[in-house]
Amino acid sequence: MNQKNYQLPLTFEEILNLVLQLPAQEQKQLIQEIKKHSPENKDEDLLSVFDRIGRNAQSKGLTEEILEELLVDES
């Protein structure tokens, strides 16, 4: 994977690029997670969803370094 240093908070484009680097199965799981929470926020746009996910992850301790470790391609 191409290593890049990201400045938090991530932009929508950076999040999308990171998601597209995930294996297909992990992308499907992420979509399912987003859909699971969508009924609560029917009027929420995709950018707001990603912002909320990012804030939630950061509040639970996600750092730029941890994110990079999670996204390392081990194949």
PDB file of N, CA and C in Angstrom:
ATOM      1  N   MET A   1       0.837  -1.169   0.000  1.00  0.00           N
ATOM      2  CA  MET A   1       0.000   0.000   0.000  1.00  0.00           C
ATOM      3  C   MET A   1       0.882   1.232   0.000  1.00  0.00           C
ATOM      4  N   ASN A   2       0.415   2.237  -0.655  1.00  0.00           N
ATOM      5  CA  ASN A   2       1.135   3.498  -0.697  1.00  0.00           C
ATOM      6  C   ASN A   2       0.979   4.217   0.638  1.00  0.00           C
ATOM      7  N   GLN A   3       2.072   4.407   1.371  1.00  0.00           N
ATOM      8  CA  GLN A   3       2.028   5.066   2.671  1.00  0.00           C
ATOM      9  C   GLN A   3       1.852   6.563   2.494  1.00  0.00           C
ATOM     10  N   LYS A   4       0.930   7.133   3.239  1.00  0.00           N
ATOM     11  CA  LYS A   4       0.690   8.564   3.195  1.00  0.00           C
ATOM     12  C   LYS A   4       0.372   9.030   4.595  1.00  0.00           C
ATOM     13  N   ASN A   5       0.893  10.172   4.964  1.00  0.00           N
ATOM     14  CA  ASN A   5       0.557  10.739   6.262  1.00  0.00           C
ATOM     15  C   ASN A   5      -0.700  11.574   6.111  1.00  0.00           C
ATOM     16  N   TYR A   6      -1.686  11.280   6.939  1.00  0.00           N
ATOM     17  CA  TYR A   6      -2.944  11.998   6.878  1.00  0.00           C
ATOM     18  C   TYR A   6      -3.057  12.950   8.057  1.00  0.00           C
ATOM     19  N   GLN A   7      -3.611  14.109   7.794  1.00  0.00           N
ATOM     20  CA  GLN A   7      -3.870  15.101   8.817  1.00  0.00           C
ATOM     21  C   GLN A   7      -5.309  14.888   9.291  1.00  0.00           C
ATOM     22  N   LEU A   8      -5.482  14.688  10.597  1.00  0.00           N
ATOM     23  CA  LEU A   8      -6.835  14.526  11.120  1.00  0.00           C
ATOM     24  C   LEU A   8      -7.442  15.884  11.384  1.00  0.00           C
ATOM     25  N   PRO A   9      -8.695  16.114  11.145  1.00  0.00           N
ATOM     26  CA  PRO A   9      -9.659  15.150  10.620  1.00  0.00           C
ATOM     27  C   PRO A   9      -9.450  14.920   9.130  1.00  0.00           C
ATOM     28  N   LEU A  10      -9.788  13.728   8.698  1.00  0.00           N
ATOM     29  CA  LEU A  10      -9.621  13.363   7.300  1.00  0.00           C
ATOM     30  C   LEU A  10     -10.692  14.032   6.446  1.00  0.00           C
ATOM     31  N   THR A  11     -10.341  14.322   5.218  1.00  0.00           N
ATOM     32  CA  THR A  11     -11.316  14.848   4.269  1.00  0.00           C
ATOM     33  C   THR A  11     -12.147  13.690   3.729  1.00  0.00           C
ATOM     34  N   PHE A  12     -13.268  14.007   3.133  1.00  0.00           N
ATOM     35  CA  PHE A  12     -14.116  12.985   2.526  1.00  0.00           C
ATOM     36  C   PHE A  12     -13.338  12.198   1.480  1.00  0.00           C
ATOM     37  N   GLU A  13     -12.564  12.909   0.650  1.00  0.00           N
ATOM     38  CA  GLU A  13     -11.789  12.249  -0.402  1.00  0.00           C
ATOM     39  C   GLU A  13     -10.763  11.283   0.199  1.00  0.00           C
ATOM     40  N   GLU A  14     -10.100  11.676   1.279  1.00  0.00           N
ATOM     41  CA  GLU A  14      -9.122  10.791   1.919  1.00  0.00           C
ATOM     42  C   GLU A  14      -9.806   9.556   2.494  1.00  0.00           C
ATOM     43  N   ILE A  15     -10.962   9.754   3.121  1.00  0.00           N
ATOM     44  CA  ILE A  15     -11.704   8.613   3.669  1.00  0.00           C
ATOM     45  C   ILE A  15     -12.117   7.669   2.550  1.00  0.00           C
ATOM     46  N   LEU A  16     -12.644   8.233   1.478  1.00  0.00           N
ATOM     47  CA  LEU A  16     -13.063   7.409   0.347  1.00  0.00           C
ATOM     48  C   LEU A  16     -11.894   6.630  -0.236  1.00  0.00           C
ATOM     49  N   ASN A  17     -10.753   7.281  -0.408  1.00  0.00           N
ATOM     50  CA  ASN A  17      -9.569   6.595  -0.936  1.00  0.00           C
ATOM     51  C   ASN A  17      -9.117   5.468  -0.016  1.00  0.00           C
ATOM     52  N   LEU A  18      -9.173   5.690   1.294  1.00  0.00           N
ATOM     53  CA  LEU A  18      -8.802   4.636   2.239  1.00  0.00           C
ATOM     54  C   LEU A  18      -9.781   3.467   2.163  1.00  0.00           C
ATOM     55  N   VAL A  19     -11.058   3.769   2.082  1.00  0.00           N
ATOM     56  CA  VAL A  19     -12.073   2.713   1.983  1.00  0.00           C
ATOM     57  C   VAL A  19     -11.867   1.899   0.712  1.00  0.00           C
ATOM     58  N   LEU A  20     -11.552   2.577  -0.380  1.00  0.00           N
ATOM     59  CA  LEU A  20     -11.359   1.867  -1.644  1.00  0.00           C
ATOM     60  C   LEU A  20     -10.120   0.965  -1.627  1.00  0.00           C
ATOM     61  N   GLN A  21      -9.215   1.192  -0.698  1.00  0.00           N
ATOM     62  CA  GLN A  21      -8.030   0.344  -0.571  1.00  0.00           C
ATOM     63  C   GLN A  21      -8.314  -0.916   0.244  1.00  0.00           C
ATOM     64  N   LEU A  22      -9.449  -0.946   0.927  1.00  0.00           N
ATOM     65  CA  LEU A  22      -9.805  -2.116   1.727  1.00  0.00           C
ATOM     66  C   LEU A  22     -10.187  -3.280   0.813  1.00  0.00           C
ATOM     67  N   PRO A  23      -9.967  -4.496   1.285  1.00  0.00           N
ATOM     68  CA  PRO A  23     -10.448  -5.658   0.523  1.00  0.00           C
ATOM     69  C   PRO A  23     -11.971  -5.587   0.371  1.00  0.00           C
ATOM     70  N   ALA A  24     -12.500  -6.220  -0.659  1.00  0.00           N
ATOM     71  CA  ALA A  24     -13.928  -6.151  -0.973  1.00  0.00           C
ATOM     72  C   ALA A  24     -14.799  -6.548   0.217  1.00  0.00           C
ATOM     73  N   GLN A  25     -14.419  -7.591   0.936  1.00  0.00           N
ATOM     74  CA  GLN A  25     -15.219  -8.058   2.071  1.00  0.00           C
ATOM     75  C   GLN A  25     -15.289  -6.992   3.164  1.00  0.00           C
ATOM     76  N   GLU A  26     -14.191  -6.315   3.422  1.00  0.00           N
ATOM     77  CA  GLU A  26     -14.186  -5.263   4.431  1.00  0.00           C
ATOM     78  C   GLU A  26     -15.001  -4.054   3.969  1.00  0.00           C
ATOM     79  N   GLN A  27     -14.983  -3.767   2.677  1.00  0.00           N
ATOM     80  CA  GLN A  27     -15.821  -2.690   2.149  1.00  0.00           C
ATOM     81  C   GLN A  27     -17.295  -3.026   2.368  1.00  0.00           C
ATOM     82  N   LYS A  28     -17.672  -4.290   2.119  1.00  0.00           N
ATOM     83  CA  LYS A  28     -19.059  -4.713   2.322  1.00  0.00           C
ATOM     84  C   LYS A  28     -19.460  -4.578   3.784  1.00  0.00           C
ATOM     85  N   GLN A  29     -18.555  -4.951   4.693  1.00  0.00           N
ATOM     86  CA  GLN A  29     -18.848  -4.833   6.121  1.00  0.00           C
ATOM     87  C   GLN A  29     -19.048  -3.376   6.519  1.00  0.00           C
ATOM     88  N   LEU A  30     -18.229  -2.505   5.976  1.00  0.00           N
ATOM     89  CA  LEU A  30     -18.347  -1.080   6.267  1.00  0.00           C
ATOM     90  C   LEU A  30     -19.685  -0.543   5.757  1.00  0.00           C
ATOM     91  N   ILE A  31     -20.076  -0.928   4.565  1.00  0.00           N
ATOM     92  CA  ILE A  31     -21.363  -0.497   4.004  1.00  0.00           C
ATOM     93  C   ILE A  31     -22.509  -0.997   4.879  1.00  0.00           C
ATOM     94  N   GLN A  32     -22.418  -2.236   5.354  1.00  0.00           N
ATOM     95  CA  GLN A  32     -23.462  -2.784   6.215  1.00  0.00           C
ATOM     96  C   GLN A  32     -23.554  -1.997   7.522  1.00  0.00           C
ATOM     97  N   GLU A  33     -22.411  -1.625   8.082  1.00  0.00           N
ATOM     98  CA  GLU A  33     -22.400  -0.835   9.310  1.00  0.00           C
ATOM     99  C   GLU A  33     -23.059   0.521   9.088  1.00  0.00           C
ATOM    100  N   ILE A  34     -22.742   1.146   7.980  1.00  0.00           N
ATOM    101  CA  ILE A  34     -23.349   2.452   7.670  1.00  0.00           C
ATOM    102  C   ILE A  34     -24.855   2.294   7.504  1.00  0.00           C
ATOM    103  N   LYS A  35     -25.277   1.257   6.792  1.00  0.00           N
ATOM    104  CA  LYS A  35     -26.705   1.032   6.576  1.00  0.00           C
ATOM    105  C   LYS A  35     -27.430   0.728   7.881  1.00  0.00           C
ATOM    106  N   LYS A  36     -26.735   0.042   8.790  1.00  0.00           N
ATOM    107  CA  LYS A  36     -27.340  -0.305  10.066  1.00  0.00           C
ATOM    108  C   LYS A  36     -27.759   0.945  10.844  1.00  0.00           C
ATOM    109  N   HIS A  37     -26.996   1.997  10.706  1.00  0.00           N
ATOM    110  CA  HIS A  37     -27.264   3.221  11.451  1.00  0.00           C
ATOM    111  C   HIS A  37     -28.042   4.251  10.631  1.00  0.00           C
ATOM    112  N   SER A  38     -28.260   3.966   9.371  1.00  0.00           N
ATOM    113  CA  SER A  38     -28.941   4.929   8.498  1.00  0.00           C
ATOM    114  C   SER A  38     -30.387   5.215   8.894  1.00  0.00           C
ATOM    115  N   PRO A  39     -31.182   4.224   9.323  1.00  0.00           N
ATOM    116  CA  PRO A  39     -32.572   4.540   9.672  1.00  0.00           C
ATOM    117  C   PRO A  39     -32.690   5.613  10.760  1.00  0.00           C
ATOM    118  N   GLU A  40     -31.712   5.692  11.639  1.00  0.00           N
ATOM    119  CA  GLU A  40     -31.733   6.700  12.704  1.00  0.00           C
ATOM    120  C   GLU A  40     -31.571   8.098  12.131  1.00  0.00           C
ATOM    121  N   ASN A  41     -30.893   8.219  11.011  1.00  0.00           N
ATOM    122  CA  ASN A  41     -30.541   9.514  10.456  1.00  0.00           C
ATOM    123  C   ASN A  41     -30.898   9.572   8.972  1.00  0.00           C
ATOM    124  N   LYS A  42     -32.153   9.413   8.654  1.00  0.00           N
ATOM    125  CA  LYS A  42     -32.578   9.333   7.260  1.00  0.00           C
ATOM    126  C   LYS A  42     -32.186  10.557   6.443  1.00  0.00           C
ATOM    127  N   ASP A  43     -32.133  11.725   7.075  1.00  0.00           N
ATOM    128  CA  ASP A  43     -31.835  12.944   6.336  1.00  0.00           C
ATOM    129  C   ASP A  43     -30.346  13.279   6.324  1.00  0.00           C
ATOM    130  N   GLU A  44     -29.530  12.448   6.921  1.00  0.00           N
ATOM    131  CA  GLU A  44     -28.096  12.724   7.026  1.00  0.00           C
ATOM    132  C   GLU A  44     -27.392  12.385   5.714  1.00  0.00           C
ATOM    133  N   ASP A  45     -26.575  13.314   5.200  1.00  0.00           N
ATOM    134  CA  ASP A  45     -25.850  13.048   3.964  1.00  0.00           C
ATOM    135  C   ASP A  45     -24.588  12.232   4.260  1.00  0.00           C
ATOM    136  N   LEU A  46     -23.993  11.687   3.200  1.00  0.00           N
ATOM    137  CA  LEU A  46     -22.849  10.794   3.346  1.00  0.00           C
ATOM    138  C   LEU A  46     -21.669  11.473   4.031  1.00  0.00           C
ATOM    139  N   LEU A  47     -21.410  12.715   3.699  1.00  0.00           N
ATOM    140  CA  LEU A  47     -20.304  13.433   4.323  1.00  0.00           C
ATOM    141  C   LEU A  47     -20.520  13.552   5.827  1.00  0.00           C
ATOM    142  N   SER A  48     -21.740  13.819   6.234  1.00  0.00           N
ATOM    143  CA  SER A  48     -22.052  13.899   7.662  1.00  0.00           C
ATOM    144  C   SER A  48     -21.855  12.551   8.348  1.00  0.00           C
ATOM    145  N   VAL A  49     -22.222  11.478   7.642  1.00  0.00           N
ATOM    146  CA  VAL A  49     -22.029  10.130   8.194  1.00  0.00           C
ATOM    147  C   VAL A  49     -20.547   9.880   8.435  1.00  0.00           C
ATOM    148  N   PHE A  50     -19.711  10.181   7.436  1.00  0.00           N
ATOM    149  CA  PHE A  50     -18.274   9.967   7.589  1.00  0.00           C
ATOM    150  C   PHE A  50     -17.692  10.854   8.684  1.00  0.00           C
ATOM    151  N   ASP A  51     -18.157  12.095   8.777  1.00  0.00           N
ATOM    152  CA  ASP A  51     -17.694  12.979   9.845  1.00  0.00           C
ATOM    153  C   ASP A  51     -18.041  12.399  11.209  1.00  0.00           C
ATOM    154  N   ARG A  52     -19.277  11.899  11.344  1.00  0.00           N
ATOM    155  CA  ARG A  52     -19.719  11.308  12.615  1.00  0.00           C
ATOM    156  C   ARG A  52     -18.892  10.068  12.956  1.00  0.00           C
ATOM    157  N   ILE A  53     -18.655   9.225  11.950  1.00  0.00           N
ATOM    158  CA  ILE A  53     -17.843   8.023  12.163  1.00  0.00           C
ATOM    159  C   ILE A  53     -16.436   8.414  12.603  1.00  0.00           C
ATOM    160  N   GLY A  54     -15.853   9.413  11.940  1.00  0.00           N
ATOM    161  CA  GLY A  54     -14.512   9.869  12.294  1.00  0.00           C
ATOM    162  C   GLY A  54     -14.438  10.423  13.708  1.00  0.00           C
ATOM    163  N   ARG A  55     -15.412  11.251  14.093  1.00  0.00           N
ATOM    164  CA  ARG A  55     -15.439  11.810  15.451  1.00  0.00           C
ATOM    165  C   ARG A  55     -15.595  10.704  16.486  1.00  0.00           C
ATOM    166  N   ASN A  56     -16.463   9.750  16.188  1.00  0.00           N
ATOM    167  CA  ASN A  56     -16.685   8.634  17.103  1.00  0.00           C
ATOM    168  C   ASN A  56     -15.405   7.816  17.265  1.00  0.00           C
ATOM    169  N   ALA A  57     -14.724   7.534  16.160  1.00  0.00           N
ATOM    170  CA  ALA A  57     -13.471   6.762  16.212  1.00  0.00           C
ATOM    171  C   ALA A  57     -12.397   7.526  16.996  1.00  0.00           C
ATOM    172  N   GLN A  58     -12.292   8.823  16.763  1.00  0.00           N
ATOM    173  CA  GLN A  58     -11.304   9.625  17.485  1.00  0.00           C
ATOM    174  C   GLN A  58     -11.613   9.668  18.973  1.00  0.00           C
ATOM    175  N   SER A  59     -12.895   9.773  19.324  1.00  0.00           N
ATOM    176  CA  SER A  59     -13.263   9.818  20.740  1.00  0.00           C
ATOM    177  C   SER A  59     -12.971   8.500  21.447  1.00  0.00           C
ATOM    178  N   LYS A  60     -12.888   7.420  20.660  1.00  0.00           N
ATOM    179  CA  LYS A  60     -12.572   6.107  21.225  1.00  0.00           C
ATOM    180  C   LYS A  60     -11.086   5.792  21.144  1.00  0.00           C
ATOM    181  N   GLY A  61     -10.276   6.807  20.741  1.00  0.00           N
ATOM    182  CA  GLY A  61      -8.832   6.631  20.773  1.00  0.00           C
ATOM    183  C   GLY A  61      -8.157   6.362  19.447  1.00  0.00           C
ATOM    184  N   LEU A  62      -8.881   6.417  18.342  1.00  0.00           N
ATOM    185  CA  LEU A  62      -8.241   6.190  17.048  1.00  0.00           C
ATOM    186  C   LEU A  62      -7.294   7.345  16.746  1.00  0.00           C
ATOM    187  N   THR A  63      -6.073   7.007  16.458  1.00  0.00           N
ATOM    188  CA  THR A  63      -5.083   8.008  16.082  1.00  0.00           C
ATOM    189  C   THR A  63      -4.659   7.752  14.642  1.00  0.00           C
ATOM    190  N   GLU A  64      -3.949   8.698  14.088  1.00  0.00           N
ATOM    191  CA  GLU A  64      -3.448   8.554  12.725  1.00  0.00           C
ATOM    192  C   GLU A  64      -2.565   7.312  12.606  1.00  0.00           C
ATOM    193  N   GLU A  65      -1.737   7.077  13.623  1.00  0.00           N
ATOM    194  CA  GLU A  65      -0.828   5.928  13.598  1.00  0.00           C
ATOM    195  C   GLU A  65      -1.596   4.611  13.643  1.00  0.00           C
ATOM    196  N   ILE A  66      -2.609   4.542  14.491  1.00  0.00           N
ATOM    197  CA  ILE A  66      -3.412   3.320  14.594  1.00  0.00           C
ATOM    198  C   ILE A  66      -4.143   3.068  13.286  1.00  0.00           C
ATOM    199  N   LEU A  67      -4.691   4.134  12.687  1.00  0.00           N
ATOM    200  CA  LEU A  67      -5.380   3.996  11.413  1.00  0.00           C
ATOM    201  C   LEU A  67      -4.445   3.435  10.347  1.00  0.00           C
ATOM    202  N   GLU A  68      -3.229   3.949  10.285  1.00  0.00           N
ATOM    203  CA  GLU A  68      -2.242   3.439   9.306  1.00  0.00           C
ATOM    204  C   GLU A  68      -1.974   1.960   9.546  1.00  0.00           C
ATOM    205  N   GLU A  69      -1.824   1.556  10.821  1.00  0.00           N
ATOM    206  CA  GLU A  69      -1.571   0.146  11.132  1.00  0.00           C
ATOM    207  C   GLU A  69      -2.736  -0.720  10.693  1.00  0.00           C
ATOM    208  N   LEU A  70      -3.962  -0.228  10.899  1.00  0.00           N
ATOM    209  CA  LEU A  70      -5.142  -0.995  10.514  1.00  0.00           C
ATOM    210  C   LEU A  70      -5.271  -1.159   9.011  1.00  0.00           C
ATOM    211  N   LEU A  71      -4.756  -0.196   8.281  1.00  0.00           N
ATOM    212  CA  LEU A  71      -4.907  -0.200   6.830  1.00  0.00           C
ATOM    213  C   LEU A  71      -3.713  -0.798   6.083  1.00  0.00           C
ATOM    214  N   VAL A  72      -2.734  -1.311   6.804  1.00  0.00           N
ATOM    215  CA  VAL A  72      -1.578  -1.914   6.158  1.00  0.00           C
ATOM    216  C   VAL A  72      -2.021  -3.167   5.407  1.00  0.00           C
ATOM    217  N   ASP A  73      -1.626  -3.252   4.174  1.00  0.00           N
ATOM    218  CA  ASP A  73      -1.963  -4.401   3.342  1.00  0.00           C
ATOM    219  C   ASP A  73      -0.975  -5.517   3.651  1.00  0.00           C
ATOM    220  N   GLU A  74      -1.471  -6.600   4.246  1.00  0.00           N
ATOM    221  CA  GLU A  74      -0.592  -7.710   4.633  1.00  0.00           C
ATOM    222  C   GLU A  74      -0.647  -8.850   3.637  1.00  0.00           C
ATOM    223  N   SER A  75      -1.199  -8.631   2.481  1.00  0.00           N
ATOM    224  CA  SER A  75      -1.299  -9.729   1.502  1.00  0.00           C
ATOM    225  C   SER A  75      -0.028  -9.891   0.727  1.00  0.00           C
TER     226      SER A  75
END
